[in-house]
Every structure is written in structure tokens, then in C-alpha cells.
Amino acid sequence: MHVIDKETCIGCGACEGVCPVSTISATDDGKYEVGDACVDCGACAAGCPVSAISAQ
């Protein structure tokens, strides 16, 4: 599963747009999180402009 580092995330939403299973969503603080439906494809990590996403 991939995770988004909340301190590095700039809230741009690039990851949400490339997720093939639509499991990334915005949180109340304007940052993003990866949901349980993550298929571990890595598309979100590749699409993040600040490298805030990593495999866990």
C-alpha cells in the first residue's frame, strides 16, 4: 500500500487524478490520503510533483 506524507503533501490533487481505482481523496486539512482499496500500482507516486508518496 502507498501512503502520503502529510508534511510533504502540497494538496495539489495530482495523485487523485491518476489513481486507477479512485481510492485517493482529500482530507479536511486539504491534504490527500490513500484509501484501503489501493492496488499498490504506484501511479500516484509517479504523479506526485513533490515525492510525498511512498510504498509502505
PDB file of N, CA and C in Angstrom:
ATOM      1  N   MET A   1       0.838  -1.174   0.000  1.00  0.00           N
ATOM      2  CA  MET A   1       0.000   0.000   0.000  1.00  0.00           C
ATOM      3  C   MET A   1       0.888   1.244   0.000  1.00  0.00           C
ATOM      4  N   HIS A   2       0.467   2.254  -0.714  1.00  0.00           N
ATOM      5  CA  HIS A   2       1.191   3.517  -0.739  1.00  0.00           C
ATOM      6  C   HIS A   2       0.605   4.474   0.293  1.00  0.00           C
ATOM      7  N   VAL A   3       1.432   5.339   0.828  1.00  0.00           N
ATOM      8  CA  VAL A   3       0.996   6.332   1.809  1.00  0.00           C
ATOM      9  C   VAL A   3       1.492   7.710   1.394  1.00  0.00           C
ATOM     10  N   ILE A   4       0.752   8.712   1.816  1.00  0.00           N
ATOM     11  CA  ILE A   4       1.098  10.099   1.508  1.00  0.00           C
ATOM     12  C   ILE A   4       1.609  10.769   2.773  1.00  0.00           C
ATOM     13  N   ASP A   5       2.792  11.332   2.703  1.00  0.00           N
ATOM     14  CA  ASP A   5       3.378  12.066   3.827  1.00  0.00           C
ATOM     15  C   ASP A   5       2.674  13.416   3.918  1.00  0.00           C
ATOM     16  N   LYS A   6       1.909  13.614   4.978  1.00  0.00           N
ATOM     17  CA  LYS A   6       1.113  14.833   5.147  1.00  0.00           C
ATOM     18  C   LYS A   6       1.976  16.093   5.244  1.00  0.00           C
ATOM     19  N   GLU A   7       3.187  15.962   5.735  1.00  0.00           N
ATOM     20  CA  GLU A   7       4.058  17.132   5.851  1.00  0.00           C
ATOM     21  C   GLU A   7       4.615  17.566   4.503  1.00  0.00           C
ATOM     22  N   THR A   8       4.794  16.623   3.596  1.00  0.00           N
ATOM     23  CA  THR A   8       5.348  16.925   2.282  1.00  0.00           C
ATOM     24  C   THR A   8       4.256  17.272   1.267  1.00  0.00           C
ATOM     25  N   CYS A   9       3.082  16.693   1.430  1.00  0.00           N
ATOM     26  CA  CYS A   9       1.959  16.903   0.508  1.00  0.00           C
ATOM     27  C   CYS A   9       1.604  18.388   0.428  1.00  0.00           C
ATOM     28  N   ILE A  10       1.434  18.882  -0.807  1.00  0.00           N
ATOM     29  CA  ILE A  10       1.071  20.290  -1.007  1.00  0.00           C
ATOM     30  C   ILE A  10      -0.402  20.451  -1.369  1.00  0.00           C
ATOM     31  N   GLY A  11      -1.149  19.349  -1.385  1.00  0.00           N
ATOM     32  CA  GLY A  11      -2.582  19.401  -1.637  1.00  0.00           C
ATOM     33  C   GLY A  11      -2.968  19.731  -3.066  1.00  0.00           C
ATOM     34  N   CYS A  12      -2.131  19.381  -4.017  1.00  0.00           N
ATOM     35  CA  CYS A  12      -2.393  19.733  -5.418  1.00  0.00           C
ATOM     36  C   CYS A  12      -3.415  18.821  -6.088  1.00  0.00           C
ATOM     37  N   GLY A  13      -3.572  17.584  -5.585  1.00  0.00           N
ATOM     38  CA  GLY A  13      -4.539  16.651  -6.141  1.00  0.00           C
ATOM     39  C   GLY A  13      -4.073  15.866  -7.348  1.00  0.00           C
ATOM     40  N   ALA A  14      -2.819  15.997  -7.724  1.00  0.00           N
ATOM     41  CA  ALA A  14      -2.304  15.265  -8.885  1.00  0.00           C
ATOM     42  C   ALA A  14      -2.450  13.758  -8.694  1.00  0.00           C
ATOM     43  N   CYS A  15      -2.248  13.284  -7.497  1.00  0.00           N
ATOM     44  CA  CYS A  15      -2.336  11.853  -7.202  1.00  0.00           C
ATOM     45  C   CYS A  15      -3.761  11.329  -7.386  1.00  0.00           C
ATOM     46  N   GLU A  16      -4.713  12.103  -6.979  1.00  0.00           N
ATOM     47  CA  GLU A  16      -6.116  11.690  -7.073  1.00  0.00           C
ATOM     48  C   GLU A  16      -6.521  11.453  -8.531  1.00  0.00           C
ATOM     49  N   GLY A  17      -6.043  12.298  -9.407  1.00  0.00           N
ATOM     50  CA  GLY A  17      -6.398  12.198 -10.811  1.00  0.00           C
ATOM     51  C   GLY A  17      -5.798  11.019 -11.545  1.00  0.00           C
ATOM     52  N   VAL A  18      -4.698  10.460 -11.039  1.00  0.00           N
ATOM     53  CA  VAL A  18      -4.047   9.338 -11.729  1.00  0.00           C
ATOM     54  C   VAL A  18      -4.341   7.979 -11.099  1.00  0.00           C
ATOM     55  N   CYS A  19      -5.028   7.959  -9.989  1.00  0.00           N
ATOM     56  CA  CYS A  19      -5.326   6.691  -9.320  1.00  0.00           C
ATOM     57  C   CYS A  19      -6.363   5.898 -10.116  1.00  0.00           C
ATOM     58  N   PRO A  20      -5.998   4.687 -10.581  1.00  0.00           N
ATOM     59  CA  PRO A  20      -6.911   3.907 -11.407  1.00  0.00           C
ATOM     60  C   PRO A  20      -8.103   3.318 -10.651  1.00  0.00           C
ATOM     61  N   VAL A  21      -8.034   3.265  -9.330  1.00  0.00           N
ATOM     62  CA  VAL A  21      -9.144   2.717  -8.547  1.00  0.00           C
ATOM     63  C   VAL A  21      -9.838   3.787  -7.701  1.00  0.00           C
ATOM     64  N   SER A  22      -9.519   5.039  -7.935  1.00  0.00           N
ATOM     65  CA  SER A  22     -10.160   6.180  -7.260  1.00  0.00           C
ATOM     66  C   SER A  22     -10.214   6.032  -5.743  1.00  0.00           C
ATOM     67  N   THR A  23      -9.105   5.650  -5.147  1.00  0.00           N
ATOM     68  CA  THR A  23      -9.070   5.467  -3.697  1.00  0.00           C
ATOM     69  C   THR A  23      -8.341   6.591  -2.961  1.00  0.00           C
ATOM     70  N   ILE A  24      -7.915   7.612  -3.688  1.00  0.00           N
ATOM     71  CA  ILE A  24      -7.253   8.752  -3.063  1.00  0.00           C
ATOM     72  C   ILE A  24      -8.261   9.886  -2.932  1.00  0.00           C
ATOM     73  N   SER A  25      -8.309  10.491  -1.750  1.00  0.00           N
ATOM     74  CA  SER A  25      -9.259  11.571  -1.522  1.00  0.00           C
ATOM     75  C   SER A  25      -8.665  12.650  -0.629  1.00  0.00           C
ATOM     76  N   ALA A  26      -9.266  13.826  -0.718  1.00  0.00           N
ATOM     77  CA  ALA A  26      -8.818  14.957   0.096  1.00  0.00           C
ATOM     78  C   ALA A  26      -9.317  14.790   1.529  1.00  0.00           C
ATOM     79  N   THR A  27      -8.518  15.267   2.462  1.00  0.00           N
ATOM     80  CA  THR A  27      -8.910  15.248   3.868  1.00  0.00           C
ATOM     81  C   THR A  27      -9.340  16.653   4.262  1.00  0.00           C
ATOM     82  N   ASP A  28      -9.823  16.806   5.482  1.00  0.00           N
ATOM     83  CA  ASP A  28     -10.300  18.102   5.966  1.00  0.00           C
ATOM     84  C   ASP A  28      -9.227  19.182   5.974  1.00  0.00           C
ATOM     85  N   ASP A  29      -7.959  18.770   6.059  1.00  0.00           N
ATOM     86  CA  ASP A  29      -6.872  19.757   6.111  1.00  0.00           C
ATOM     87  C   ASP A  29      -6.344  20.130   4.724  1.00  0.00           C
ATOM     88  N   GLY A  30      -7.010  19.634   3.654  1.00  0.00           N
ATOM     89  CA  GLY A  30      -6.595  19.980   2.300  1.00  0.00           C
ATOM     90  C   GLY A  30      -5.500  19.101   1.733  1.00  0.00           C
ATOM     91  N   LYS A  31      -5.068  18.133   2.513  1.00  0.00           N
ATOM     92  CA  LYS A  31      -4.063  17.177   2.051  1.00  0.00           C
ATOM     93  C   LYS A  31      -4.811  15.954   1.510  1.00  0.00           C
ATOM     94  N   TYR A  32      -4.079  14.951   1.058  1.00  0.00           N
ATOM     95  CA  TYR A  32      -4.702  13.762   0.485  1.00  0.00           C
ATOM     96  C   TYR A  32      -4.289  12.518   1.232  1.00  0.00           C
ATOM     97  N   GLU A  33      -5.121  11.468   1.126  1.00  0.00           N
ATOM     98  CA  GLU A  33      -4.815  10.190   1.747  1.00  0.00           C
ATOM     99  C   GLU A  33      -5.207   9.067   0.804  1.00  0.00           C
ATOM    100  N   VAL A  34      -4.514   7.936   0.954  1.00  0.00           N
ATOM    101  CA  VAL A  34      -4.774   6.757   0.141  1.00  0.00           C
ATOM    102  C   VAL A  34      -5.701   5.843   0.934  1.00  0.00           C
ATOM    103  N   GLY A  35      -6.775   5.392   0.298  1.00  0.00           N
ATOM    104  CA  GLY A  35      -7.735   4.517   0.955  1.00  0.00           C
ATOM    105  C   GLY A  35      -7.351   3.053   0.911  1.00  0.00           C
ATOM    106  N   ASP A  36      -8.177   2.237   1.536  1.00  0.00           N
ATOM    107  CA  ASP A  36      -7.918   0.804   1.654  1.00  0.00           C
ATOM    108  C   ASP A  36      -7.993   0.047   0.333  1.00  0.00           C
ATOM    109  N   ALA A  37      -8.609   0.621  -0.687  1.00  0.00           N
ATOM    110  CA  ALA A  37      -8.748  -0.068  -1.971  1.00  0.00           C
ATOM    111  C   ALA A  37      -7.486   0.022  -2.830  1.00  0.00           C
ATOM    112  N   CYS A  38      -6.415   0.590  -2.289  1.00  0.00           N
ATOM    113  CA  CYS A  38      -5.150   0.740  -3.013  1.00  0.00           C
ATOM    114  C   CYS A  38      -4.679  -0.603  -3.566  1.00  0.00           C
ATOM    115  N   VAL A  39      -4.341  -0.617  -4.861  1.00  0.00           N
ATOM    116  CA  VAL A  39      -3.846  -1.839  -5.505  1.00  0.00           C
ATOM    117  C   VAL A  39      -2.323  -1.816  -5.650  1.00  0.00           C
ATOM    118  N   ASP A  40      -1.692  -0.837  -5.053  1.00  0.00           N
ATOM    119  CA  ASP A  40      -0.231  -0.746  -4.999  1.00  0.00           C
ATOM    120  C   ASP A  40       0.421  -0.636  -6.376  1.00  0.00           C
ATOM    121  N   CYS A  41      -0.214   0.080  -7.290  1.00  0.00           N
ATOM    122  CA  CYS A  41       0.316   0.190  -8.656  1.00  0.00           C
ATOM    123  C   CYS A  41       1.421   1.240  -8.780  1.00  0.00           C
ATOM    124  N   GLY A  42       1.437   2.227  -7.890  1.00  0.00           N
ATOM    125  CA  GLY A  42       2.472   3.251  -7.917  1.00  0.00           C
ATOM    126  C   GLY A  42       2.191   4.447  -8.805  1.00  0.00           C
ATOM    127  N   ALA A  43       1.029   4.479  -9.433  1.00  0.00           N
ATOM    128  CA  ALA A  43       0.692   5.603 -10.320  1.00  0.00           C
ATOM    129  C   ALA A  43       0.674   6.920  -9.547  1.00  0.00           C
ATOM    130  N   CYS A  44       0.203   6.892  -8.332  1.00  0.00           N
ATOM    131  CA  CYS A  44       0.129   8.110  -7.525  1.00  0.00           C
ATOM    132  C   CYS A  44       1.527   8.644  -7.204  1.00  0.00           C
ATOM    133  N   ALA A  45       2.434   7.742  -6.864  1.00  0.00           N
ATOM    134  CA  ALA A  45       3.806   8.147  -6.545  1.00  0.00           C
ATOM    135  C   ALA A  45       4.475   8.776  -7.757  1.00  0.00           C
ATOM    136  N   ALA A  46       4.238   8.193  -8.916  1.00  0.00           N
ATOM    137  CA  ALA A  46       4.821   8.733 -10.146  1.00  0.00           C
ATOM    138  C   ALA A  46       4.227  10.084 -10.505  1.00  0.00           C
ATOM    139  N   GLY A  47       2.972  10.313 -10.121  1.00  0.00           N
ATOM    140  CA  GLY A  47       2.302  11.562 -10.464  1.00  0.00           C
ATOM    141  C   GLY A  47       2.488  12.685  -9.461  1.00  0.00           C
ATOM    142  N   CYS A  48       3.078  12.402  -8.314  1.00  0.00           N
ATOM    143  CA  CYS A  48       3.254  13.415  -7.274  1.00  0.00           C
ATOM    144  C   CYS A  48       4.449  14.317  -7.588  1.00  0.00           C
ATOM    145  N   PRO A  49       4.208  15.630  -7.720  1.00  0.00           N
ATOM    146  CA  PRO A  49       5.294  16.543  -8.078  1.00  0.00           C
ATOM    147  C   PRO A  49       6.297  16.817  -6.951  1.00  0.00           C
ATOM    148  N   VAL A  50       5.952  16.452  -5.719  1.00  0.00           N
ATOM    149  CA  VAL A  50       6.858  16.716  -4.593  1.00  0.00           C
ATOM    150  C   VAL A  50       7.335  15.436  -3.905  1.00  0.00           C
ATOM    151  N   SER A  51       7.116  14.288  -4.537  1.00  0.00           N
ATOM    152  CA  SER A  51       7.545  12.992  -3.999  1.00  0.00           C
ATOM    153  C   SER A  51       7.060  12.736  -2.577  1.00  0.00           C
ATOM    154  N   ALA A  52       5.780  13.045  -2.329  1.00  0.00           N
ATOM    155  CA  ALA A  52       5.200  12.858  -0.997  1.00  0.00           C
ATOM    156  C   ALA A  52       4.630  11.455  -0.785  1.00  0.00           C
ATOM    157  N   ILE A  53       4.658  10.616  -1.827  1.00  0.00           N
ATOM    158  CA  ILE A  53       4.032   9.300  -1.755  1.00  0.00           C
ATOM    159  C   ILE A  53       5.074   8.204  -1.862  1.00  0.00           C
ATOM    160  N   SER A  54       4.953   7.228  -0.950  1.00  0.00           N
ATOM    161  CA  SER A  54       5.892   6.109  -0.969  1.00  0.00           C
ATOM    162  C   SER A  54       5.165   4.822  -0.638  1.00  0.00           C
ATOM    163  N   ALA A  55       5.782   3.699  -1.010  1.00  0.00           N
ATOM    164  CA  ALA A  55       5.235   2.385  -0.670  1.00  0.00           C
ATOM    165  C   ALA A  55       5.532   2.093   0.780  1.00  0.00           C
ATOM    166  N   GLN A  56       4.589   1.472   1.435  1.00  0.00           N
ATOM    167  CA  GLN A  56       4.784   1.141   2.842  1.00  0.00           C
ATOM    168  C   GLN A  56       4.778  -0.339   3.025  1.00  0.00           C
TER     169      GLN A  56
END
